[in-house]
Structure formats: C-alpha cells, structure tokens
C-alpha cells in the first residue's frame, strides 16, 4: 500500500490498482468531465465539479448515496506513474457526512470530590 494511506481513518475504503495505461490516459478518464461521465455520471455526484484537483495527479469528488439515509462521502483518485510505464491508481473513499461525527463530551466524566475544610 502507498504511503498516502498511513494517515487515513480506519473507516476509509482504500483501493490500489496498477494499470497498463499511461497516467495521461487514466487522468482523462477520471479528471475530464466528458470522459468521467461515461463511468461516473453527474447524477451520482453531489456536485458535478470536483471538490479539488491537482491536474494529472489528484482529483476529489463528493458523492451522496441514492438510498436513505443519503450519506455523503468523498472519493479521491491519486495517480502516479509506475515502473512499467503504466499508472498506479489509488482510490480513497471516505465518509464525510457530518451526521456521522459524534459530539465530544464537555466534561471528562470523572468523579469530582471536594475536601472538607
């Protein structure tokens, strides 16, 4: 697995593929809307524009489940050339829905003892 996965939450789904296609061709398939729509239509995205992009290297999209509770997630595609002239594609799919974060306790739940004067 790539070093890019070491600081990911355990709940993230991380997939890594070595592809025979050069990075430029893979980038066209995931980073250019006209090509991306063939395998990931706009209707499956929360917003058709990427959340962030580093051209030729990284693109991130926001998705939303089509079934209740319609959770939101971020899918990030990392591309890098591999030693065989192809591409290593790292896909990180992480839930980002605010409804999943638990509020932190405002106290530490320890018993407070008072001393008599």
N, C-alpha and C. Protein backbone atom coordinates (compact mmCIF):
# COMPACT_ATOMS: atom_id res chain seq x y z
N UNK A 1 0.83 -1.19 0.00
CA UNK A 1 0.00 0.00 0.00
C UNK A 1 0.87 1.25 0.00
N UNK A 2 0.37 2.27 -0.53
CA UNK A 2 1.11 3.52 -0.67
C UNK A 2 1.23 4.26 0.66
N UNK A 3 2.22 5.15 0.77
CA UNK A 3 2.37 5.99 1.95
C UNK A 3 1.18 6.91 2.14
N UNK A 4 0.41 7.17 1.10
CA UNK A 4 -0.74 8.07 1.19
C UNK A 4 -1.84 7.50 2.08
N UNK A 5 -1.77 6.21 2.43
CA UNK A 5 -2.82 5.59 3.23
C UNK A 5 -2.50 5.60 4.71
N UNK A 6 -1.30 5.92 5.12
CA UNK A 6 -0.90 5.79 6.51
C UNK A 6 -1.63 6.72 7.46
N UNK A 7 -2.09 7.88 6.99
CA UNK A 7 -2.77 8.81 7.87
C UNK A 7 -4.28 8.84 7.64
N UNK A 8 -4.82 7.81 7.03
CA UNK A 8 -6.25 7.73 6.74
C UNK A 8 -7.00 7.10 7.92
N UNK A 9 -8.25 7.54 8.15
CA UNK A 9 -9.06 6.88 9.17
C UNK A 9 -9.30 5.42 8.78
N UNK A 10 -9.48 4.58 9.79
CA UNK A 10 -9.68 3.15 9.55
C UNK A 10 -10.98 2.89 8.79
N UNK A 11 -11.90 3.84 8.79
CA UNK A 11 -13.18 3.65 8.11
C UNK A 11 -13.11 3.93 6.62
N UNK A 12 -12.02 4.51 6.15
CA UNK A 12 -11.87 4.77 4.72
C UNK A 12 -11.67 3.46 3.96
N UNK A 13 -12.26 3.39 2.80
CA UNK A 13 -12.05 2.27 1.90
C UNK A 13 -10.92 2.68 0.95
N UNK A 14 -9.83 1.92 0.96
CA UNK A 14 -8.66 2.27 0.15
C UNK A 14 -8.40 1.13 -0.84
N UNK A 15 -8.36 1.49 -2.12
CA UNK A 15 -8.11 0.52 -3.18
C UNK A 15 -6.92 1.00 -4.00
N UNK A 16 -6.04 0.08 -4.37
CA UNK A 16 -4.87 0.43 -5.17
C UNK A 16 -4.78 -0.51 -6.36
N UNK A 17 -4.60 0.08 -7.54
CA UNK A 17 -4.54 -0.69 -8.78
C UNK A 17 -3.32 -0.27 -9.59
N UNK A 18 -2.67 -1.24 -10.22
CA UNK A 18 -1.62 -0.97 -11.20
C UNK A 18 -2.24 -1.17 -12.57
N UNK A 19 -2.29 -0.11 -13.35
CA UNK A 19 -2.92 -0.14 -14.66
C UNK A 19 -1.86 -0.10 -15.75
N UNK A 20 -2.16 -0.70 -16.90
CA UNK A 20 -1.23 -0.71 -18.02
C UNK A 20 -1.21 0.62 -18.77
N UNK A 21 -2.25 1.43 -18.61
CA UNK A 21 -2.35 2.69 -19.34
C UNK A 21 -1.45 3.76 -18.72
N UNK A 22 -0.92 4.66 -19.55
CA UNK A 22 -0.08 5.74 -19.01
C UNK A 22 -0.93 6.72 -18.19
N UNK A 23 -0.30 7.45 -17.25
CA UNK A 23 -1.05 8.38 -16.39
C UNK A 23 -1.91 9.39 -17.16
N UNK A 24 -1.44 9.86 -18.30
CA UNK A 24 -2.21 10.84 -19.07
C UNK A 24 -3.56 10.28 -19.51
N UNK A 25 -3.58 9.02 -19.90
CA UNK A 25 -4.82 8.38 -20.35
C UNK A 25 -5.76 8.14 -19.17
N UNK A 26 -5.22 7.70 -18.05
CA UNK A 26 -6.04 7.48 -16.86
C UNK A 26 -6.60 8.81 -16.37
N UNK A 27 -5.78 9.87 -16.41
CA UNK A 27 -6.25 11.17 -15.99
C UNK A 27 -7.45 11.63 -16.83
N UNK A 28 -7.39 11.41 -18.12
CA UNK A 28 -8.52 11.80 -18.97
C UNK A 28 -9.80 11.11 -18.52
N UNK A 29 -9.68 9.84 -18.14
CA UNK A 29 -10.86 9.06 -17.75
C UNK A 29 -11.47 9.51 -16.42
N UNK A 30 -10.66 10.03 -15.51
CA UNK A 30 -11.21 10.42 -14.21
C UNK A 30 -11.29 11.92 -14.01
N UNK A 31 -10.45 12.69 -14.70
CA UNK A 31 -10.36 14.12 -14.44
C UNK A 31 -11.06 15.03 -15.42
N UNK A 32 -11.42 14.50 -16.58
CA UNK A 32 -12.09 15.31 -17.59
C UNK A 32 -13.56 14.88 -17.65
N UNK A 33 -14.45 15.81 -17.38
CA UNK A 33 -15.88 15.51 -17.20
C UNK A 33 -16.47 14.70 -18.36
N UNK A 34 -16.14 15.03 -19.59
CA UNK A 34 -16.73 14.33 -20.74
C UNK A 34 -16.38 12.84 -20.73
N UNK A 35 -15.20 12.49 -20.27
CA UNK A 35 -14.79 11.08 -20.19
C UNK A 35 -15.30 10.45 -18.90
N UNK A 36 -15.25 11.18 -17.79
CA UNK A 36 -15.69 10.66 -16.50
C UNK A 36 -17.16 10.30 -16.51
N UNK A 37 -17.97 11.06 -17.23
CA UNK A 37 -19.41 10.82 -17.29
C UNK A 37 -19.75 9.44 -17.85
N UNK A 38 -18.85 8.84 -18.60
CA UNK A 38 -19.10 7.52 -19.19
C UNK A 38 -19.16 6.44 -18.12
N UNK A 39 -18.42 6.60 -17.03
CA UNK A 39 -18.42 5.57 -15.98
C UNK A 39 -18.92 6.11 -14.64
N UNK A 40 -18.96 7.43 -14.45
CA UNK A 40 -19.48 8.04 -13.22
C UNK A 40 -20.31 9.26 -13.63
N UNK A 41 -21.61 9.03 -13.90
CA UNK A 41 -22.46 10.13 -14.38
C UNK A 41 -22.66 11.22 -13.33
N UNK A 42 -22.94 12.43 -13.79
CA UNK A 42 -23.19 13.55 -12.89
C UNK A 42 -24.29 13.23 -11.88
N UNK A 43 -25.27 12.43 -12.28
CA UNK A 43 -26.39 12.11 -11.39
C UNK A 43 -25.95 11.36 -10.13
N UNK A 44 -24.78 10.74 -10.16
CA UNK A 44 -24.28 10.02 -8.99
C UNK A 44 -23.39 10.89 -8.11
N UNK A 45 -23.13 12.11 -8.54
CA UNK A 45 -22.30 13.03 -7.78
C UNK A 45 -23.18 14.04 -7.06
N UNK A 46 -22.74 14.48 -5.89
CA UNK A 46 -23.45 15.54 -5.18
C UNK A 46 -23.29 16.85 -5.93
N UNK A 47 -22.11 17.04 -6.52
CA UNK A 47 -21.81 18.21 -7.33
C UNK A 47 -20.95 17.72 -8.49
N UNK A 48 -21.29 18.10 -9.71
CA UNK A 48 -20.55 17.58 -10.87
C UNK A 48 -19.12 18.12 -10.96
N UNK A 49 -18.86 19.25 -10.32
CA UNK A 49 -17.50 19.79 -10.32
C UNK A 49 -16.68 19.11 -9.22
N UNK A 50 -15.40 18.85 -9.47
CA UNK A 50 -14.56 18.25 -8.44
C UNK A 50 -14.43 19.17 -7.23
N UNK A 51 -14.26 18.58 -6.07
CA UNK A 51 -14.02 19.34 -4.84
C UNK A 51 -12.64 19.99 -4.91
N UNK A 52 -11.67 19.22 -5.39
CA UNK A 52 -10.31 19.73 -5.57
C UNK A 52 -9.62 18.93 -6.65
N UNK A 53 -8.62 19.56 -7.26
CA UNK A 53 -7.89 18.93 -8.35
C UNK A 53 -6.45 19.39 -8.35
N UNK A 54 -5.53 18.45 -8.54
CA UNK A 54 -4.14 18.74 -8.88
C UNK A 54 -3.98 18.09 -10.24
N UNK A 55 -4.03 18.87 -11.32
CA UNK A 55 -4.08 18.31 -12.67
C UNK A 55 -3.04 17.21 -12.91
N UNK A 56 -3.55 16.09 -13.41
CA UNK A 56 -2.69 14.96 -13.74
C UNK A 56 -2.30 14.10 -12.56
N UNK A 57 -2.68 14.50 -11.33
CA UNK A 57 -2.25 13.75 -10.14
C UNK A 57 -3.38 13.34 -9.21
N UNK A 58 -4.25 14.29 -8.85
CA UNK A 58 -5.28 14.03 -7.84
C UNK A 58 -6.57 14.74 -8.23
N UNK A 59 -7.69 14.03 -8.06
CA UNK A 59 -9.00 14.66 -8.21
C UNK A 59 -9.91 14.07 -7.14
N UNK A 60 -10.76 14.94 -6.57
CA UNK A 60 -11.66 14.53 -5.48
C UNK A 60 -13.07 14.95 -5.84
N UNK A 61 -14.01 13.98 -5.67
CA UNK A 61 -15.42 14.22 -5.94
C UNK A 61 -16.24 13.96 -4.67
N UNK A 62 -17.35 14.69 -4.53
CA UNK A 62 -18.29 14.48 -3.43
C UNK A 62 -19.46 13.66 -3.98
N UNK A 63 -19.77 12.58 -3.29
CA UNK A 63 -20.87 11.71 -3.68
C UNK A 63 -21.91 11.68 -2.58
N UNK A 64 -23.13 11.22 -2.94
CA UNK A 64 -24.18 11.03 -1.97
C UNK A 64 -24.91 9.74 -2.32
N UNK A 65 -25.15 8.89 -1.31
CA UNK A 65 -25.89 7.65 -1.55
C UNK A 65 -27.25 7.97 -2.13
N UNK A 66 -27.73 7.08 -3.02
CA UNK A 66 -29.05 7.32 -3.61
C UNK A 66 -30.17 6.71 -2.78
N UNK A 67 -29.82 6.03 -1.68
CA UNK A 67 -30.82 5.46 -0.78
C UNK A 67 -30.66 6.07 0.61
N UNK A 68 -31.77 6.14 1.37
CA UNK A 68 -31.68 6.70 2.73
C UNK A 68 -30.65 5.94 3.55
N UNK A 69 -29.91 6.60 4.37
CA UNK A 69 -30.03 7.98 4.84
C UNK A 69 -29.27 8.98 3.97
N UNK A 70 -28.92 8.64 2.73
CA UNK A 70 -28.28 9.55 1.78
C UNK A 70 -26.98 10.15 2.35
N UNK A 71 -26.11 9.29 2.83
CA UNK A 71 -24.84 9.76 3.40
C UNK A 71 -23.93 10.33 2.33
N UNK A 72 -23.17 11.34 2.71
CA UNK A 72 -22.21 11.96 1.81
C UNK A 72 -20.83 11.35 2.02
N UNK A 73 -20.05 11.32 0.95
CA UNK A 73 -18.69 10.80 1.03
C UNK A 73 -17.81 11.55 0.04
N UNK A 74 -16.51 11.43 0.27
CA UNK A 74 -15.51 11.98 -0.64
C UNK A 74 -14.73 10.83 -1.24
N UNK A 75 -14.55 10.88 -2.54
CA UNK A 75 -13.74 9.88 -3.23
C UNK A 75 -12.58 10.61 -3.88
N UNK A 76 -11.37 10.19 -3.51
CA UNK A 76 -10.16 10.82 -4.03
C UNK A 76 -9.41 9.82 -4.88
N UNK A 77 -9.01 10.27 -6.07
CA UNK A 77 -8.24 9.45 -7.00
C UNK A 77 -6.83 10.03 -7.07
N UNK A 78 -5.83 9.22 -6.72
CA UNK A 78 -4.42 9.62 -6.79
C UNK A 78 -3.77 8.82 -7.92
N UNK A 79 -3.12 9.51 -8.85
CA UNK A 79 -2.42 8.84 -9.95
C UNK A 79 -0.93 9.06 -9.81
N UNK A 80 -0.17 8.03 -10.11
CA UNK A 80 1.28 8.17 -10.17
C UNK A 80 1.82 7.15 -11.18
N UNK A 81 2.88 7.52 -11.90
CA UNK A 81 3.45 6.57 -12.86
C UNK A 81 4.06 5.39 -12.11
N UNK A 82 3.96 4.20 -12.69
CA UNK A 82 4.63 3.05 -12.09
C UNK A 82 5.87 2.68 -12.90
N UNK A 83 6.62 1.73 -12.40
CA UNK A 83 7.92 1.39 -13.02
C UNK A 83 7.79 0.71 -14.38
N UNK A 84 6.58 0.25 -14.74
CA UNK A 84 6.39 -0.42 -16.03
C UNK A 84 5.84 0.52 -17.11
N UNK A 85 5.78 1.82 -16.82
CA UNK A 85 5.25 2.76 -17.80
C UNK A 85 3.75 2.94 -17.71
N UNK A 86 3.13 2.28 -16.76
CA UNK A 86 1.69 2.42 -16.56
C UNK A 86 1.39 3.39 -15.43
N UNK A 87 0.28 3.14 -14.76
CA UNK A 87 -0.19 4.04 -13.72
C UNK A 87 -0.57 3.27 -12.47
N UNK A 88 -0.18 3.78 -11.31
CA UNK A 88 -0.72 3.29 -10.05
C UNK A 88 -1.86 4.22 -9.68
N UNK A 89 -3.05 3.65 -9.53
CA UNK A 89 -4.24 4.41 -9.19
C UNK A 89 -4.65 4.04 -7.78
N UNK A 90 -4.64 5.03 -6.89
CA UNK A 90 -5.05 4.85 -5.51
C UNK A 90 -6.39 5.56 -5.35
N UNK A 91 -7.40 4.80 -4.91
CA UNK A 91 -8.74 5.36 -4.71
C UNK A 91 -9.04 5.30 -3.21
N UNK A 92 -9.35 6.46 -2.64
CA UNK A 92 -9.69 6.54 -1.22
C UNK A 92 -11.12 7.05 -1.12
N UNK A 93 -11.99 6.19 -0.57
CA UNK A 93 -13.41 6.53 -0.43
C UNK A 93 -13.70 6.65 1.06
N UNK A 94 -13.95 7.87 1.50
CA UNK A 94 -14.19 8.12 2.92
C UNK A 94 -15.50 8.81 3.17
N UNK A 95 -16.22 8.34 4.19
CA UNK A 95 -17.46 9.00 4.58
C UNK A 95 -17.15 10.36 5.16
N UNK A 96 -17.86 11.37 4.72
CA UNK A 96 -17.61 12.73 5.19
C UNK A 96 -18.86 13.37 5.77
N UNK A 97 -19.94 12.60 5.87
CA UNK A 97 -21.21 13.14 6.32
C UNK A 97 -21.12 13.62 7.77
N UNK A 98 -21.53 14.85 8.00
CA UNK A 98 -21.46 15.45 9.34
C UNK A 98 -22.33 14.69 10.34
N UNK A 99 -23.34 13.98 9.88
CA UNK A 99 -24.20 13.22 10.79
C UNK A 99 -23.47 12.06 11.45
N UNK A 100 -22.32 11.69 10.92
CA UNK A 100 -21.58 10.56 11.48
C UNK A 100 -20.63 10.95 12.60
N UNK A 101 -20.35 12.23 12.73
CA UNK A 101 -19.43 12.65 13.78
C UNK A 101 -20.17 12.78 15.08
N UNK A 102 -19.59 12.21 16.12
CA UNK A 102 -20.19 12.23 17.44
C UNK A 102 -19.72 13.47 18.19
N UNK A 103 -20.63 14.17 18.86
CA UNK A 103 -20.20 15.33 19.66
C UNK A 103 -19.32 14.87 20.82
N UNK A 104 -18.33 15.66 21.13
CA UNK A 104 -17.43 15.36 22.22
C UNK A 104 -18.05 15.79 23.54
N UNK A 105 -17.81 15.01 24.57
CA UNK A 105 -18.32 15.34 25.89
C UNK A 105 -17.68 16.63 26.38
N UNK A 106 -18.46 17.43 27.08
CA UNK A 106 -17.93 18.68 27.60
C UNK A 106 -17.23 18.51 28.92
N UNK A 107 -17.33 17.31 29.50
CA UNK A 107 -16.57 17.03 30.72
C UNK A 107 -15.84 15.71 30.54
N UNK A 108 -15.02 15.36 31.51
CA UNK A 108 -14.26 14.13 31.38
C UNK A 108 -14.90 12.96 32.11
N UNK A 109 -16.10 13.18 32.66
CA UNK A 109 -16.88 12.14 33.34
C UNK A 109 -16.18 11.53 34.55
N UNK A 110 -15.21 12.24 35.10
CA UNK A 110 -14.57 11.75 36.32
C UNK A 110 -15.34 12.27 37.53
N UNK A 111 -15.32 11.48 38.58
CA UNK A 111 -15.97 11.85 39.81
C UNK A 111 -15.20 13.01 40.46
N UNK A 112 -15.90 14.06 40.82
CA UNK A 112 -15.27 15.20 41.46
C UNK A 112 -15.50 15.11 42.96
N UNK A 113 -14.44 15.10 43.70
CA UNK A 113 -14.52 15.03 45.16
C UNK A 113 -14.11 16.36 45.74
N UNK A 114 -14.84 16.78 46.75
CA UNK A 114 -14.49 18.02 47.43
C UNK A 114 -13.96 17.68 48.81
N UNK A 115 -12.95 18.36 49.23
CA UNK A 115 -12.40 18.16 50.57
C UNK A 115 -13.09 19.08 51.57
N UNK A 116 -13.34 18.51 52.74
CA UNK A 116 -13.92 19.34 53.81
C UNK A 116 -12.86 20.29 54.33
N UNK A 117 -13.25 21.49 54.65
CA UNK A 117 -12.29 22.49 55.14
C UNK A 117 -11.90 22.25 56.56
